[in-house]
Amino acid sequence: MDFSNLPLTHKATVEEQHLDFLQHMNVMWYTHFFDMATWGFYNQIGFGREYHQGDRGSFALEQYTRYHAELRQG
């Protein structure tokens, strides 16, 4: 799949603390980084922290993770 035309909403490097005992990025970090990217996207479209103040909010009803390739340190 070609994702090159999508806007960049978060950038990170896989560090040793993100690895499981098989030296792959642990599943909880995929969720964390996806969450960070989601908030980056929300900020780009005006749906960030300012929007969510007061009586407005949002939540993840469902989430699916599809692994196209394993992430390793670096």
N, C-alpha and C. Protein backbone atom coordinates (compact mmCIF):
# COMPACT_ATOMS: atom_id res chain seq x y z
N MET A 1 0.84 -1.19 0.00
CA MET A 1 0.00 0.00 0.00
C MET A 1 0.88 1.25 0.00
N ASP A 2 0.46 2.23 -0.72
CA ASP A 2 1.19 3.49 -0.79
C ASP A 2 0.53 4.52 0.13
N PHE A 3 1.21 4.87 1.20
CA PHE A 3 0.70 5.85 2.15
C PHE A 3 1.36 7.21 1.99
N SER A 4 2.16 7.39 0.94
CA SER A 4 2.97 8.60 0.80
C SER A 4 2.14 9.87 0.63
N ASN A 5 0.90 9.77 0.20
CA ASN A 5 0.08 10.97 0.01
C ASN A 5 -0.69 11.38 1.26
N LEU A 6 -0.62 10.57 2.31
CA LEU A 6 -1.33 10.91 3.54
C LEU A 6 -0.54 11.96 4.33
N PRO A 7 -1.23 12.84 5.05
CA PRO A 7 -0.52 13.84 5.85
C PRO A 7 0.20 13.17 7.03
N LEU A 8 1.37 13.68 7.38
CA LEU A 8 2.12 13.19 8.53
C LEU A 8 1.50 13.80 9.79
N THR A 9 1.04 12.96 10.70
CA THR A 9 0.40 13.46 11.91
C THR A 9 1.18 13.12 13.17
N HIS A 10 2.16 12.22 13.07
CA HIS A 10 3.03 11.88 14.21
C HIS A 10 4.25 11.14 13.67
N LYS A 11 5.39 11.42 14.26
CA LYS A 11 6.63 10.74 13.87
C LYS A 11 7.34 10.30 15.13
N ALA A 12 7.81 9.06 15.16
CA ALA A 12 8.49 8.52 16.32
C ALA A 12 9.52 7.49 15.87
N THR A 13 10.42 7.17 16.77
CA THR A 13 11.42 6.14 16.54
C THR A 13 11.20 5.02 17.55
N VAL A 14 11.24 3.79 17.08
CA VAL A 14 11.10 2.65 17.98
C VAL A 14 12.39 2.54 18.80
N GLU A 15 12.23 2.63 20.11
CA GLU A 15 13.38 2.56 21.02
C GLU A 15 13.36 1.24 21.77
N GLU A 16 14.45 0.94 22.47
CA GLU A 16 14.57 -0.33 23.18
C GLU A 16 13.41 -0.54 24.17
N GLN A 17 12.94 0.52 24.80
CA GLN A 17 11.84 0.41 25.77
C GLN A 17 10.53 -0.03 25.13
N HIS A 18 10.41 0.07 23.81
CA HIS A 18 9.19 -0.30 23.09
C HIS A 18 9.17 -1.77 22.67
N LEU A 19 10.26 -2.49 22.90
CA LEU A 19 10.40 -3.85 22.38
C LEU A 19 9.88 -4.91 23.35
N ASP A 20 9.38 -6.01 22.77
CA ASP A 20 9.04 -7.17 23.58
C ASP A 20 10.25 -8.11 23.60
N PHE A 21 10.09 -9.28 24.18
CA PHE A 21 11.23 -10.19 24.31
C PHE A 21 11.68 -10.78 22.97
N LEU A 22 10.88 -10.64 21.92
CA LEU A 22 11.28 -11.09 20.58
C LEU A 22 11.94 -9.98 19.77
N GLN A 23 12.14 -8.82 20.41
CA GLN A 23 12.75 -7.66 19.79
C GLN A 23 11.88 -7.00 18.73
N HIS A 24 10.56 -7.21 18.84
CA HIS A 24 9.58 -6.50 18.01
C HIS A 24 8.93 -5.43 18.87
N MET A 25 8.38 -4.42 18.22
CA MET A 25 7.66 -3.43 19.00
C MET A 25 6.43 -4.08 19.63
N ASN A 26 6.26 -3.89 20.94
CA ASN A 26 5.15 -4.47 21.68
C ASN A 26 3.84 -3.86 21.21
N VAL A 27 2.77 -4.64 21.21
CA VAL A 27 1.47 -4.21 20.70
C VAL A 27 0.95 -2.96 21.40
N MET A 28 1.25 -2.77 22.68
CA MET A 28 0.73 -1.59 23.38
C MET A 28 1.29 -0.30 22.79
N TRP A 29 2.50 -0.37 22.21
CA TRP A 29 3.09 0.83 21.63
C TRP A 29 2.47 1.17 20.28
N TYR A 30 2.01 0.17 19.54
CA TYR A 30 1.26 0.47 18.31
C TYR A 30 0.03 1.30 18.68
N THR A 31 -0.65 0.88 19.73
CA THR A 31 -1.84 1.61 20.18
C THR A 31 -1.47 3.02 20.62
N HIS A 32 -0.40 3.15 21.37
CA HIS A 32 0.04 4.47 21.84
C HIS A 32 0.37 5.39 20.67
N PHE A 33 1.18 4.90 19.73
CA PHE A 33 1.58 5.75 18.60
C PHE A 33 0.40 6.07 17.69
N PHE A 34 -0.51 5.12 17.53
CA PHE A 34 -1.70 5.40 16.75
C PHE A 34 -2.54 6.49 17.42
N ASP A 35 -2.64 6.44 18.74
CA ASP A 35 -3.37 7.46 19.48
C ASP A 35 -2.72 8.83 19.30
N MET A 36 -1.40 8.88 19.37
CA MET A 36 -0.69 10.15 19.17
C MET A 36 -0.93 10.70 17.76
N ALA A 37 -0.93 9.81 16.77
CA ALA A 37 -1.18 10.22 15.39
C ALA A 37 -2.62 10.69 15.21
N THR A 38 -3.55 10.04 15.90
CA THR A 38 -4.95 10.46 15.83
C THR A 38 -5.11 11.88 16.34
N TRP A 39 -4.48 12.19 17.50
CA TRP A 39 -4.57 13.56 18.03
C TRP A 39 -3.87 14.55 17.11
N GLY A 40 -2.79 14.13 16.46
CA GLY A 40 -2.15 15.00 15.47
C GLY A 40 -3.09 15.31 14.32
N PHE A 41 -3.81 14.30 13.85
CA PHE A 41 -4.80 14.49 12.79
C PHE A 41 -5.92 15.40 13.26
N TYR A 42 -6.44 15.13 14.46
CA TYR A 42 -7.50 15.98 15.01
C TYR A 42 -7.06 17.44 15.07
N ASN A 43 -5.84 17.69 15.51
CA ASN A 43 -5.34 19.07 15.57
C ASN A 43 -5.30 19.72 14.18
N GLN A 44 -4.93 18.94 13.17
CA GLN A 44 -4.86 19.46 11.81
C GLN A 44 -6.22 19.88 11.28
N ILE A 45 -7.29 19.25 11.74
CA ILE A 45 -8.62 19.57 11.22
C ILE A 45 -9.47 20.37 12.20
N GLY A 46 -8.83 20.90 13.28
CA GLY A 46 -9.55 21.73 14.23
C GLY A 46 -10.41 20.96 15.21
N PHE A 47 -10.06 19.71 15.47
CA PHE A 47 -10.83 18.84 16.35
C PHE A 47 -10.00 18.46 17.58
N GLY A 48 -9.03 19.31 17.94
CA GLY A 48 -8.09 19.01 19.01
C GLY A 48 -8.58 19.41 20.38
N ARG A 49 -7.62 19.75 21.25
CA ARG A 49 -7.89 20.05 22.65
C ARG A 49 -8.93 21.16 22.82
N GLU A 50 -8.82 22.23 22.05
CA GLU A 50 -9.75 23.35 22.17
C GLU A 50 -11.19 22.91 21.89
N TYR A 51 -11.36 22.09 20.87
CA TYR A 51 -12.70 21.60 20.53
C TYR A 51 -13.27 20.75 21.67
N HIS A 52 -12.44 19.95 22.29
CA HIS A 52 -12.89 18.98 23.29
C HIS A 52 -13.07 19.57 24.69
N GLN A 53 -12.92 20.86 24.85
CA GLN A 53 -13.17 21.48 26.15
C GLN A 53 -14.66 21.72 26.33
N GLY A 54 -15.10 21.79 27.56
CA GLY A 54 -16.52 22.00 27.82
C GLY A 54 -17.28 20.69 27.74
N ASP A 55 -18.41 20.73 27.04
CA ASP A 55 -19.28 19.55 26.99
C ASP A 55 -19.11 18.73 25.72
N ARG A 56 -18.05 18.95 24.95
CA ARG A 56 -17.82 18.18 23.72
C ARG A 56 -16.72 17.15 23.94
N GLY A 57 -16.82 16.04 23.27
CA GLY A 57 -15.81 15.01 23.38
C GLY A 57 -15.93 13.99 22.28
N SER A 58 -15.04 13.03 22.31
CA SER A 58 -15.06 11.93 21.34
C SER A 58 -14.43 10.72 22.01
N PHE A 59 -14.63 9.56 21.40
CA PHE A 59 -14.02 8.34 21.93
C PHE A 59 -13.89 7.33 20.80
N ALA A 60 -13.05 6.34 21.02
CA ALA A 60 -12.86 5.28 20.03
C ALA A 60 -13.88 4.18 20.30
N LEU A 61 -14.83 4.01 19.41
CA LEU A 61 -15.84 2.98 19.56
C LEU A 61 -15.28 1.60 19.22
N GLU A 62 -14.48 1.55 18.17
CA GLU A 62 -13.82 0.31 17.76
C GLU A 62 -12.44 0.66 17.24
N GLN A 63 -11.56 -0.31 17.33
CA GLN A 63 -10.21 -0.12 16.80
C GLN A 63 -9.72 -1.45 16.24
N TYR A 64 -9.15 -1.38 15.05
CA TYR A 64 -8.58 -2.55 14.40
C TYR A 64 -7.13 -2.25 14.08
N THR A 65 -6.26 -3.19 14.35
CA THR A 65 -4.84 -3.03 14.03
C THR A 65 -4.48 -4.05 12.97
N ARG A 66 -3.91 -3.57 11.90
CA ARG A 66 -3.50 -4.46 10.81
C ARG A 66 -2.00 -4.26 10.61
N TYR A 67 -1.24 -5.31 10.76
CA TYR A 67 0.21 -5.24 10.67
C TYR A 67 0.65 -5.52 9.24
N HIS A 68 1.23 -4.53 8.60
CA HIS A 68 1.75 -4.71 7.24
C HIS A 68 3.21 -5.12 7.27
N ALA A 69 3.89 -4.77 8.37
CA ALA A 69 5.28 -5.14 8.56
C ALA A 69 5.61 -4.97 10.04
N GLU A 70 6.56 -5.76 10.52
CA GLU A 70 6.98 -5.64 11.91
C GLU A 70 7.87 -4.42 12.08
N LEU A 71 7.73 -3.79 13.21
CA LEU A 71 8.61 -2.67 13.53
C LEU A 71 9.64 -3.13 14.53
N ARG A 72 10.85 -2.74 14.30
CA ARG A 72 11.96 -3.09 15.18
C ARG A 72 12.68 -1.80 15.60
N GLN A 73 13.60 -1.94 16.52
CA GLN A 73 14.29 -0.78 17.05
C GLN A 73 14.96 0.02 15.95
N GLY A 74 14.86 1.33 16.05
CA GLY A 74 15.49 2.24 15.10
C GLY A 74 14.61 2.59 13.94
